[in-house]
C-alpha atoms as a PDB file:
ATOM      1  CA  UNK A   1     -15.391  17.621  11.168  1.00  0.00           C
ATOM      2  CA  UNK A   2     -19.103  17.130  11.203  1.00  0.00           C
ATOM      3  CA  UNK A   3     -20.791  14.280  13.130  1.00  0.00           C
ATOM      4  CA  UNK A   4     -21.877  12.883   9.772  1.00  0.00           C
ATOM      5  CA  UNK A   5     -18.265  12.876   8.433  1.00  0.00           C
ATOM      6  CA  UNK A   6     -16.976  11.541  11.582  1.00  0.00           C
ATOM      7  CA  UNK A   7     -19.507   8.637  11.558  1.00  0.00           C
ATOM      8  CA  UNK A   8     -18.612   7.802   7.949  1.00  0.00           C
ATOM      9  CA  UNK A   9     -14.914   7.863   8.914  1.00  0.00           C
ATOM     10  CA  UNK A  10     -15.298   5.361  11.895  1.00  0.00           C
ATOM     11  CA  UNK A  11     -17.515   3.020   9.501  1.00  0.00           C
ATOM     12  CA  UNK A  12     -14.758   3.131   6.945  1.00  0.00           C
ATOM     13  CA  UNK A  13     -12.338   2.454   9.725  1.00  0.00           C
ATOM     14  CA  UNK A  14     -14.242  -0.666  10.780  1.00  0.00           C
ATOM     15  CA  UNK A  15     -14.057  -1.838   7.083  1.00  0.00           C
ATOM     16  CA  UNK A  16     -10.369  -1.585   7.191  1.00  0.00           C
ATOM     17  CA  UNK A  17     -10.105  -3.601  10.418  1.00  0.00           C
ATOM     18  CA  UNK A  18     -11.995  -6.295   8.750  1.00  0.00           C
ATOM     19  CA  UNK A  19      -9.642  -6.305   5.731  1.00  0.00           C
ATOM     20  CA  UNK A  20      -6.679  -6.131   8.184  1.00  0.00           C
ATOM     21  CA  UNK A  21      -8.015  -9.109  10.084  1.00  0.00           C
ATOM     22  CA  UNK A  22      -8.604 -11.122   6.772  1.00  0.00           C
ATOM     23  CA  UNK A  23      -5.043 -10.399   5.525  1.00  0.00           C
ATOM     24  CA  UNK A  24      -3.619 -11.652   8.873  1.00  0.00           C
ATOM     25  CA  UNK A  25      -5.501 -14.911   8.846  1.00  0.00           C
ATOM     26  CA  UNK A  26      -5.363 -15.609   5.005  1.00  0.00           C
ATOM     27  CA  UNK A  27      -1.484 -14.689   4.641  1.00  0.00           C
ATOM     28  CA  UNK A  28      -0.670 -16.765   7.783  1.00  0.00           C
ATOM     29  CA  UNK A  29      -2.387 -19.873   6.377  1.00  0.00           C
ATOM     30  CA  UNK A  30      -0.430 -19.204   3.064  1.00  0.00           C
ATOM     31  CA  UNK A  31       2.718 -18.696   4.809  1.00  0.00           C
ATOM     32  CA  UNK A  32       2.398 -22.073   6.849  1.00  0.00           C
ATOM     33  CA  UNK A  33       1.606 -24.005   3.766  1.00  0.00           C
ATOM     34  CA  UNK A  34       4.387 -22.632   1.565  1.00  0.00           C
ATOM     35  CA  UNK A  35       6.934 -22.766   4.303  1.00  0.00           C
ATOM     36  CA  UNK A  36       6.186 -26.602   4.697  1.00  0.00           C
ATOM     37  CA  UNK A  37       6.452 -27.296   1.115  1.00  0.00           C
ATOM     38  CA  UNK A  38       9.523 -25.077   0.629  1.00  0.00           C
ATOM     39  CA  UNK A  39      11.539 -26.942   3.221  1.00  0.00           C
ATOM     40  CA  UNK A  40      10.135 -30.376   1.912  1.00  0.00           C
ATOM     41  CA  UNK A  41      11.300 -29.531  -1.710  1.00  0.00           C
ATOM     42  CA  UNK A  42      14.328 -27.382  -0.653  1.00  0.00           C
ATOM     43  CA  UNK A  43      12.943 -24.571  -3.031  1.00  0.00           C
ATOM     44  CA  UNK A  44      14.194 -21.200  -2.335  1.00  0.00           C
ATOM     45  CA  UNK A  45      11.516 -19.760  -4.519  1.00  0.00           C
ATOM     46  CA  UNK A  46       8.722 -21.304  -2.631  1.00  0.00           C
ATOM     47  CA  UNK A  47      10.456 -20.682   0.681  1.00  0.00           C
ATOM     48  CA  UNK A  48      10.999 -17.063  -0.124  1.00  0.00           C
ATOM     49  CA  UNK A  49       7.359 -16.881  -1.219  1.00  0.00           C
ATOM     50  CA  UNK A  50       6.383 -18.106   2.278  1.00  0.00           C
ATOM     51  CA  UNK A  51       8.315 -15.394   3.884  1.00  0.00           C
ATOM     52  CA  UNK A  52       6.779 -12.760   1.703  1.00  0.00           C
ATOM     53  CA  UNK A  53       3.289 -14.127   3.048  1.00  0.00           C
ATOM     54  CA  UNK A  54       4.686 -13.879   6.441  1.00  0.00           C
ATOM     55  CA  UNK A  55       5.452 -10.165   6.107  1.00  0.00           C
ATOM     56  CA  UNK A  56       1.863  -9.707   4.692  1.00  0.00           C
ATOM     57  CA  UNK A  57       0.498 -11.395   7.751  1.00  0.00           C
ATOM     58  CA  UNK A  58       2.498  -9.434  10.112  1.00  0.00           C
ATOM     59  CA  UNK A  59       1.754  -6.109   8.389  1.00  0.00           C
ATOM     60  CA  UNK A  60      -2.083  -7.101   8.610  1.00  0.00           C
ATOM     61  CA  UNK A  61      -1.723  -7.824  12.496  1.00  0.00           C
ATOM     62  CA  UNK A  62      -0.003  -4.577  13.313  1.00  0.00           C
ATOM     63  CA  UNK A  63      -2.145  -2.336  11.104  1.00  0.00           C
ATOM     64  CA  UNK A  64      -5.234  -4.050  12.825  1.00  0.00           C
ATOM     65  CA  UNK A  65      -3.772  -3.522  16.285  1.00  0.00           C
ATOM     66  CA  UNK A  66      -3.096   0.352  15.737  1.00  0.00           C
ATOM     67  CA  UNK A  67      -6.367   0.963  14.095  1.00  0.00           C
ATOM     68  CA  UNK A  68      -8.287  -0.960  16.727  1.00  0.00           C
ATOM     69  CA  UNK A  69      -6.722   1.141  19.195  1.00  0.00           C
ATOM     70  CA  UNK A  70      -7.612   4.452  17.439  1.00  0.00           C
ATOM     71  CA  UNK A  71     -11.099   3.566  16.813  1.00  0.00           C
ATOM     72  CA  UNK A  72     -11.666   2.513  20.515  1.00  0.00           C
ATOM     73  CA  UNK A  73     -10.150   5.935  21.555  1.00  0.00           C
ATOM     74  CA  UNK A  74     -12.565   7.652  19.160  1.00  0.00           C
ATOM     75  CA  UNK A  75     -13.108  11.473  19.507  1.00  0.00           C
ATOM     76  CA  UNK A  76     -13.269  14.284  16.949  1.00  0.00           C
ATOM     77  CA  UNK A  77      -9.456  14.740  17.248  1.00  0.00           C
ATOM     78  CA  UNK A  78      -8.647  10.980  17.143  1.00  0.00           C
ATOM     79  CA  UNK A  79     -11.056  10.384  14.367  1.00  0.00           C
ATOM     80  CA  UNK A  80      -9.060  13.048  12.383  1.00  0.00           C
ATOM     81  CA  UNK A  81      -5.942  11.115  12.869  1.00  0.00           C
ATOM     82  CA  UNK A  82      -7.358   7.900  11.253  1.00  0.00           C
ATOM     83  CA  UNK A  83      -6.750   8.890   7.569  1.00  0.00           C
ATOM     84  CA  UNK A  84      -3.255   9.931   8.278  1.00  0.00           C
ATOM     85  CA  UNK A  85      -2.588   6.923  10.354  1.00  0.00           C
ATOM     86  CA  UNK A  86      -3.788   4.718   7.362  1.00  0.00           C
ATOM     87  CA  UNK A  87      -1.252   6.602   5.299  1.00  0.00           C
ATOM     88  CA  UNK A  88       1.541   5.602   7.728  1.00  0.00           C
ATOM     89  CA  UNK A  89       0.313   2.050   7.667  1.00  0.00           C
ATOM     90  CA  UNK A  90       0.399   2.006   3.801  1.00  0.00           C
ATOM     91  CA  UNK A  91       3.994   3.199   4.098  1.00  0.00           C
ATOM     92  CA  UNK A  92       4.885   0.492   6.479  1.00  0.00           C
ATOM     93  CA  UNK A  93       3.481  -2.190   4.383  1.00  0.00           C
ATOM     94  CA  UNK A  94       5.237  -0.786   1.471  1.00  0.00           C
ATOM     95  CA  UNK A  95       8.542  -1.107   3.453  1.00  0.00           C
ATOM     96  CA  UNK A  96       8.019  -4.692   4.361  1.00  0.00           C
ATOM     97  CA  UNK A  97       7.409  -5.444   0.627  1.00  0.00           C
ATOM     98  CA  UNK A  98      10.689  -4.000  -0.067  1.00  0.00           C
ATOM     99  CA  UNK A  99      12.224  -5.847   2.745  1.00  0.00           C
ATOM    100  CA  UNK A 100      10.752  -8.946   1.236  1.00  0.00           C
ATOM    101  CA  UNK A 101      12.203  -8.282  -2.011  1.00  0.00           C
ATOM    102  CA  UNK A 102      15.561  -7.649  -0.508  1.00  0.00           C
ATOM    103  CA  UNK A 103      15.535 -10.905   1.347  1.00  0.00           C
ATOM    104  CA  UNK A 104      14.398 -12.649  -1.722  1.00  0.00           C
ATOM    105  CA  UNK A 105      17.342 -11.313  -3.583  1.00  0.00           C
ATOM    106  CA  UNK A 106      19.882 -12.430  -0.835  1.00  0.00           C
ATOM    107  CA  UNK A 107      18.594 -15.646  -0.487  1.00  0.00           C
ATOM    108  CA  UNK A 108      18.457 -16.424  -4.299  1.00  0.00           C
ATOM    109  CA  UNK A 109      22.030 -15.022  -4.701  1.00  0.00           C
ATOM    110  CA  UNK A 110      23.235 -17.246  -1.903  1.00  0.00           C
ATOM    111  CA  UNK A 111      21.641 -20.337  -3.616  1.00  0.00           C
ATOM    112  CA  UNK A 112      23.073 -19.204  -7.064  1.00  0.00           C
ATOM    113  CA  UNK A 113      26.527 -19.299  -5.571  1.00  0.00           C
ATOM    114  CA  UNK A 114      26.097 -22.450  -3.401  1.00  0.00           C
ATOM    115  CA  UNK A 115      23.483 -24.471  -5.463  1.00  0.00           C
ATOM    116  CA  UNK A 116      21.420 -27.244  -3.893  1.00  0.00           C
ATOM    117  CA  UNK A 117      19.217 -29.817  -5.386  1.00  0.00           C
ATOM    118  CA  UNK A 118      15.412 -29.197  -5.485  1.00  0.00           C
ATOM    119  CA  UNK A 119      13.100 -32.094  -4.856  1.00  0.00           C
ATOM    120  CA  UNK A 120      10.174 -31.927  -7.275  1.00  0.00           C
ATOM    121  CA  UNK A 121       6.651 -33.280  -6.233  1.00  0.00           C
ATOM    122  CA  UNK A 122       3.687 -33.072  -8.356  1.00  0.00           C
ATOM    123  CA  UNK A 123       1.462 -32.827  -5.242  1.00  0.00           C
ATOM    124  CA  UNK A 124       3.507 -29.984  -3.909  1.00  0.00           C
ATOM    125  CA  UNK A 125       3.348 -28.098  -7.376  1.00  0.00           C
ATOM    126  CA  UNK A 126      -0.266 -28.415  -7.467  1.00  0.00           C
ATOM    127  CA  UNK A 127      -0.735 -27.112  -4.076  1.00  0.00           C
ATOM    128  CA  UNK A 128       1.497 -24.163  -4.465  1.00  0.00           C
ATOM    129  CA  UNK A 129      -0.425 -23.413  -7.817  1.00  0.00           C
ATOM    130  CA  UNK A 130      -3.541 -23.374  -5.934  1.00  0.00           C
ATOM    131  CA  UNK A 131      -2.108 -20.663  -3.615  1.00  0.00           C
ATOM    132  CA  UNK A 132      -1.732 -18.404  -6.654  1.00  0.00           C
ATOM    133  CA  UNK A 133      -5.394 -19.017  -7.237  1.00  0.00           C
ATOM    134  CA  UNK A 134      -6.068 -18.020  -3.453  1.00  0.00           C
ATOM    135  CA  UNK A 135      -4.322 -14.868  -4.059  1.00  0.00           C
ATOM    136  CA  UNK A 136      -6.334 -14.162  -7.007  1.00  0.00           C
ATOM    137  CA  UNK A 137      -9.594 -14.577  -4.866  1.00  0.00           C
ATOM    138  CA  UNK A 138      -8.045 -12.255  -2.167  1.00  0.00           C
ATOM    139  CA  UNK A 139      -7.506  -9.533  -4.866  1.00  0.00           C
ATOM    140  CA  UNK A 140     -11.328  -9.472  -5.456  1.00  0.00           C
ATOM    141  CA  UNK A 141     -12.060  -9.527  -1.871  1.00  0.00           C
ATOM    142  CA  UNK A 142      -9.675  -6.694  -1.148  1.00  0.00           C
ATOM    143  CA  UNK A 143     -11.303  -4.804  -4.236  1.00  0.00           C
ATOM    144  CA  UNK A 144     -14.575  -5.142  -2.168  1.00  0.00           C
ATOM    145  CA  UNK A 145     -13.193  -3.882   0.986  1.00  0.00           C
ATOM    146  CA  UNK A 146     -11.548  -0.920  -0.965  1.00  0.00           C
ATOM    147  CA  UNK A 147     -14.852  -0.101  -2.651  1.00  0.00           C
ATOM    148  CA  UNK A 148     -16.489   0.281   0.724  1.00  0.00           C
ATOM    149  CA  UNK A 149     -13.719   2.034   2.466  1.00  0.00           C
ATOM    150  CA  UNK A 150     -11.484   3.885  -0.011  1.00  0.00           C
ATOM    151  CA  UNK A 151      -8.747   3.143   2.215  1.00  0.00           C
ATOM    152  CA  UNK A 152      -4.977   3.324   0.980  1.00  0.00           C
ATOM    153  CA  UNK A 153      -4.156   0.489   3.313  1.00  0.00           C
ATOM    154  CA  UNK A 154      -6.575  -1.881   1.504  1.00  0.00           C
ATOM    155  CA  UNK A 155      -5.209  -0.544  -1.765  1.00  0.00           C
ATOM    156  CA  UNK A 156      -1.736  -1.508  -1.220  1.00  0.00           C
ATOM    157  CA  UNK A 157      -2.955  -4.877   0.060  1.00  0.00           C
ATOM    158  CA  UNK A 158      -4.793  -5.374  -3.377  1.00  0.00           C
ATOM    159  CA  UNK A 159      -1.764  -4.463  -5.298  1.00  0.00           C
ATOM    160  CA  UNK A 160       0.485  -6.616  -3.336  1.00  0.00           C
ATOM    161  CA  UNK A 161      -1.738  -9.465  -4.275  1.00  0.00           C
ATOM    162  CA  UNK A 162      -0.781  -9.005  -7.939  1.00  0.00           C
ATOM    163  CA  UNK A 163       2.807  -9.209  -6.981  1.00  0.00           C
ATOM    164  CA  UNK A 164       2.426 -12.307  -4.744  1.00  0.00           C
ATOM    165  CA  UNK A 165       0.389 -14.065  -7.399  1.00  0.00           C
ATOM    166  CA  UNK A 166       3.222 -13.570  -9.927  1.00  0.00           C
ATOM    167  CA  UNK A 167       5.919 -14.676  -7.553  1.00  0.00           C
ATOM    168  CA  UNK A 168       4.003 -17.909  -6.748  1.00  0.00           C
ATOM    169  CA  UNK A 169       3.347 -18.661 -10.554  1.00  0.00           C
ATOM    170  CA  UNK A 170       7.146 -18.258 -11.175  1.00  0.00           C
ATOM    171  CA  UNK A 171       7.908 -20.437  -8.226  1.00  0.00           C
ATOM    172  CA  UNK A 172       5.726 -23.236  -9.492  1.00  0.00           C
ATOM    173  CA  UNK A 173       7.542 -22.970 -12.895  1.00  0.00           C
ATOM    174  CA  UNK A 174      10.956 -23.251 -11.228  1.00  0.00           C
ATOM    175  CA  UNK A 175       9.753 -26.206  -9.287  1.00  0.00           C
ATOM    176  CA  UNK A 176       8.529 -27.852 -12.450  1.00  0.00           C
ATOM    177  CA  UNK A 177      11.754 -26.973 -14.474  1.00  0.00           C
ATOM    178  CA  UNK A 178      14.099 -28.174 -11.624  1.00  0.00           C
ATOM    179  CA  UNK A 179      13.160 -31.823 -12.250  1.00  0.00           C
ATOM    180  CA  UNK A 180      14.641 -31.758 -15.519  1.00  0.00           C
ATOM    181  CA  UNK A 181      17.957 -29.876 -14.812  1.00  0.00           C
ATOM    182  CA  UNK A 182      20.610 -29.423 -12.004  1.00  0.00           C
ATOM    183  CA  UNK A 183      21.184 -25.893 -13.117  1.00  0.00           C
ATOM    184  CA  UNK A 184      20.248 -23.371 -10.486  1.00  0.00           C
ATOM    185  CA  UNK A 185      17.017 -22.279 -12.216  1.00  0.00           C
ATOM    186  CA  UNK A 186      15.378 -21.797  -8.843  1.00  0.00           C
ATOM    187  CA  UNK A 187      18.029 -19.152  -7.910  1.00  0.00           C
ATOM    188  CA  UNK A 188      17.913 -17.329 -11.232  1.00  0.00           C
ATOM    189  CA  UNK A 189      14.328 -16.961 -11.121  1.00  0.00           C
ATOM    190  CA  UNK A 190      14.432 -15.873  -7.656  1.00  0.00           C
ATOM    191  CA  UNK A 191      16.712 -13.025  -8.499  1.00  0.00           C
ATOM    192  CA  UNK A 192      14.477 -12.015 -11.495  1.00  0.00           C
ATOM    193  CA  UNK A 193      11.304 -12.159  -9.150  1.00  0.00           C
ATOM    194  CA  UNK A 194      13.231  -9.967  -6.391  1.00  0.00           C
ATOM    195  CA  UNK A 195      14.021  -7.373  -9.185  1.00  0.00           C
ATOM    196  CA  UNK A 196      10.301  -7.192 -10.214  1.00  0.00           C
ATOM    197  CA  UNK A 197       9.205  -7.015  -6.469  1.00  0.00           C
ATOM    198  CA  UNK A 198      11.722  -4.209  -5.565  1.00  0.00           C
ATOM    199  CA  UNK A 199      10.899  -2.092  -8.764  1.00  0.00           C
ATOM    200  CA  UNK A 200       7.094  -2.349  -8.017  1.00  0.00           C
ATOM    201  CA  UNK A 201       7.765  -2.088  -4.124  1.00  0.00           C
ATOM    202  CA  UNK A 202      10.033   1.118  -4.355  1.00  0.00           C
ATOM    203  CA  UNK A 203       7.250   3.054  -6.644  1.00  0.00           C
ATOM    204  CA  UNK A 204       4.703   2.058  -4.226  1.00  0.00           C
ATOM    205  CA  UNK A 205       6.966   3.147  -1.224  1.00  0.00           C
ATOM    206  CA  UNK A 206       7.672   6.533  -2.884  1.00  0.00           C
ATOM    207  CA  UNK A 207       3.966   6.989  -3.552  1.00  0.00           C
ATOM    208  CA  UNK A 208       3.019   6.431  -0.066  1.00  0.00           C
ATOM    209  CA  UNK A 209       5.897   8.425   1.417  1.00  0.00           C
ATOM    210  CA  UNK A 210       4.756  11.426  -0.524  1.00  0.00           C
ATOM    211  CA  UNK A 211       1.250  11.148   0.819  1.00  0.00           C
ATOM    212  CA  UNK A 212       2.555  10.654   4.395  1.00  0.00           C
ATOM    213  CA  UNK A 213       4.591  13.878   4.260  1.00  0.00           C
ATOM    214  CA  UNK A 214       1.955  15.838   2.436  1.00  0.00           C
ATOM    215  CA  UNK A 215       4.189  16.020  -0.633  1.00  0.00           C
ATOM    216  CA  UNK A 216       2.793  18.725  -3.158  1.00  0.00           C
ATOM    217  CA  UNK A 217       5.097  19.669  -6.255  1.00  0.00           C
ATOM    218  CA  UNK A 218       6.602  23.059  -6.361  1.00  0.00           C
ATOM    219  CA  UNK A 219       4.935  23.613  -9.748  1.00  0.00           C
ATOM    220  CA  UNK A 220       1.342  22.883  -8.062  1.00  0.00           C
ATOM    221  CA  UNK A 221       2.260  25.339  -5.191  1.00  0.00           C
ATOM    222  CA  UNK A 222       3.470  27.899  -7.653  1.00  0.00           C
ATOM    223  CA  UNK A 223       0.241  27.678  -9.699  1.00  0.00           C
ATOM    224  CA  UNK A 224      -2.115  27.969  -6.629  1.00  0.00           C
ATOM    225  CA  UNK A 225      -0.012  31.081  -5.262  1.00  0.00           C
ATOM    226  CA  UNK A 226      -0.357  32.454  -8.791  1.00  0.00           C
ATOM    227  CA  UNK A 227      -4.225  32.121  -8.952  1.00  0.00           C
ATOM    228  CA  UNK A 228      -4.343  33.720  -5.337  1.00  0.00           C
ATOM    229  CA  UNK A 229      -2.260  36.691  -6.461  1.00  0.00           C
ATOM    230  CA  UNK A 230      -4.711  37.486  -9.306  1.00  0.00           C
ATOM    231  CA  UNK A 231      -7.108  38.207  -6.465  1.00  0.00           C
ATOM    232  CA  UNK A 232      -4.756  39.945  -4.072  1.00  0.00           C
ATOM    233  CA  UNK A 233      -6.901  43.170  -4.257  1.00  0.00           C
ATOM    234  CA  UNK A 234      -9.664  41.211  -2.552  1.00  0.00           C
ATOM    235  CA  UNK A 235      -7.749  38.597  -0.608  1.00  0.00           C
ATOM    236  CA  UNK A 236      -4.710  39.017   1.530  1.00  0.00           C
ATOM    237  CA  UNK A 237      -3.056  35.773   2.076  1.00  0.00           C
ATOM    238  CA  UNK A 238      -1.198  35.116   5.355  1.00  0.00           C
ATOM    239  CA  UNK A 239      -0.461  31.490   5.315  1.00  0.00           C
ATOM    240  CA  UNK A 240      -0.720  28.265   2.941  1.00  0.00           C
ATOM    241  CA  UNK A 241      -0.801  24.811   4.390  1.00  0.00           C
ATOM    242  CA  UNK A 242      -1.008  21.922   1.985  1.00  0.00           C
ATOM    243  CA  UNK A 243      -2.540  18.486   2.830  1.00  0.00           C
ATOM    244  CA  UNK A 244      -2.082  15.323   0.461  1.00  0.00           C
ATOM    245  CA  UNK A 245      -4.563  12.664   1.622  1.00  0.00           C
ATOM    246  CA  UNK A 246      -3.878  10.442  -1.448  1.00  0.00           C
ATOM    247  CA  UNK A 247      -7.253  11.134  -2.962  1.00  0.00           C
ATOM    248  CA  UNK A 248      -7.126  14.933  -3.289  1.00  0.00           C
ATOM    249  CA  UNK A 249      -4.714  17.840  -2.554  1.00  0.00           C
ATOM    250  CA  UNK A 250      -6.201  20.364   0.023  1.00  0.00           C
ATOM    251  CA  UNK A 251      -4.708  23.947   0.585  1.00  0.00           C
ATOM    252  CA  UNK A 252      -5.790  25.692   3.871  1.00  0.00           C
ATOM    253  CA  UNK A 253      -5.440  29.285   3.184  1.00  0.00           C
ATOM    254  CA  UNK A 254      -5.272  31.714   6.122  1.00  0.00           C
ATOM    255  CA  UNK A 255      -6.366  35.223   4.734  1.00  0.00           C
ATOM    256  CA  UNK A 256      -8.237  38.344   5.059  1.00  0.00           C
ATOM    257  CA  UNK A 257     -10.881  38.884   2.465  1.00  0.00           C
ATOM    258  CA  UNK A 258     -13.294  41.987   2.085  1.00  0.00           C
ATOM    259  CA  UNK A 259     -15.489  40.283  -0.381  1.00  0.00           C
ATOM    260  CA  UNK A 260     -16.645  36.759   0.364  1.00  0.00           C
ATOM    261  CA  UNK A 261     -18.088  36.120  -3.063  1.00  0.00           C
ATOM    262  CA  UNK A 262     -14.531  36.353  -4.422  1.00  0.00           C
ATOM    263  CA  UNK A 263     -13.607  33.134  -2.232  1.00  0.00           C
ATOM    264  CA  UNK A 264     -16.060  30.870  -4.455  1.00  0.00           C
ATOM    265  CA  UNK A 265     -14.417  32.133  -7.653  1.00  0.00           C
ATOM    266  CA  UNK A 266     -10.863  31.492  -6.490  1.00  0.00           C
ATOM    267  CA  UNK A 267     -11.840  27.884  -5.310  1.00  0.00           C
ATOM    268  CA  UNK A 268     -13.619  27.018  -8.530  1.00  0.00           C
ATOM    269  CA  UNK A 269     -10.667  28.356 -10.595  1.00  0.00           C
ATOM    270  CA  UNK A 270      -8.186  26.496  -8.479  1.00  0.00           C
ATOM    271  CA  UNK A 271      -9.969  23.225  -8.711  1.00  0.00           C
ATOM    272  CA  UNK A 272     -10.475  23.394 -12.361  1.00  0.00           C
ATOM    273  CA  UNK A 273      -6.875  24.659 -13.355  1.00  0.00           C
ATOM    274  CA  UNK A 274      -4.744  22.800 -10.581  1.00  0.00           C
ATOM    275  CA  UNK A 275      -6.938  20.125  -9.050  1.00  0.00           C
ATOM    276  CA  UNK A 276      -6.461  21.627  -5.589  1.00  0.00           C
ATOM    277  CA  UNK A 277      -9.219  21.961  -3.163  1.00  0.00           C
ATOM    278  CA  UNK A 278      -8.965  25.335  -1.214  1.00  0.00           C
ATOM    279  CA  UNK A 279     -10.346  25.812   2.134  1.00  0.00           C
ATOM    280  CA  UNK A 280     -10.268  29.429   3.479  1.00  0.00           C
ATOM    281  CA  UNK A 281      -9.500  30.336   7.078  1.00  0.00           C
ATOM    282  CA  UNK A 282     -10.799  33.853   7.423  1.00  0.00           C
ATOM    283  CA  UNK A 283      -9.012  35.935  10.112  1.00  0.00           C
END
């Protein structure tokens, strides 16, 4: 890694730290507000929404702590770990979103079986609605952080804002409806929200897991091998090592080559036909 690339990586890391610090503070404030209102109104939707914000806040705090440690221990080797570490934290955040969805489903189902009254308040409904607006603002703030850093961690936080905003809006609706009926609308809506959360979160989890383990489909691997086989007279391949950083798939090719001009042809063809970047290690 060049000094320029390392410096850019460190700069992006500091942007991610700011995003994580913002996530911790903002989500903790939302958690405290919604927890108070959820307990005051006895609304399972608002209470679960508060717990969801708590998970987001803790995720931001943990990610901040680990990234801060890696940046403090910066060296060429440690800097190289930053991108993979961000993928790990993206995966962890996805897991927390899944956990929040499961918790939401459990508490909603419990409330459906054992319904309890919800106490409506216009003031509380307005405050919770305002928190949905706060999440919309946070979405644009995360977008700005992502534009500066290109970080998968910030991208997950940004996507999670959309889910959180949807949850909060539904929570407000159920609180409004609860004043006109004794039926457990709160619990039913809670179950519907949990299904939406889990579907989106599982998709996000699978995507981040693939990046974390450098998953590359067998079809892509076969195409790369096929292209290399076309140039077998000039290039003797010893080993292929795939890396998936989320933005691009890179294949490190350990090989012997008699004609270096062939390497550029292979790189170009692989990029155009398979969208895989080849890096040759000539031995």
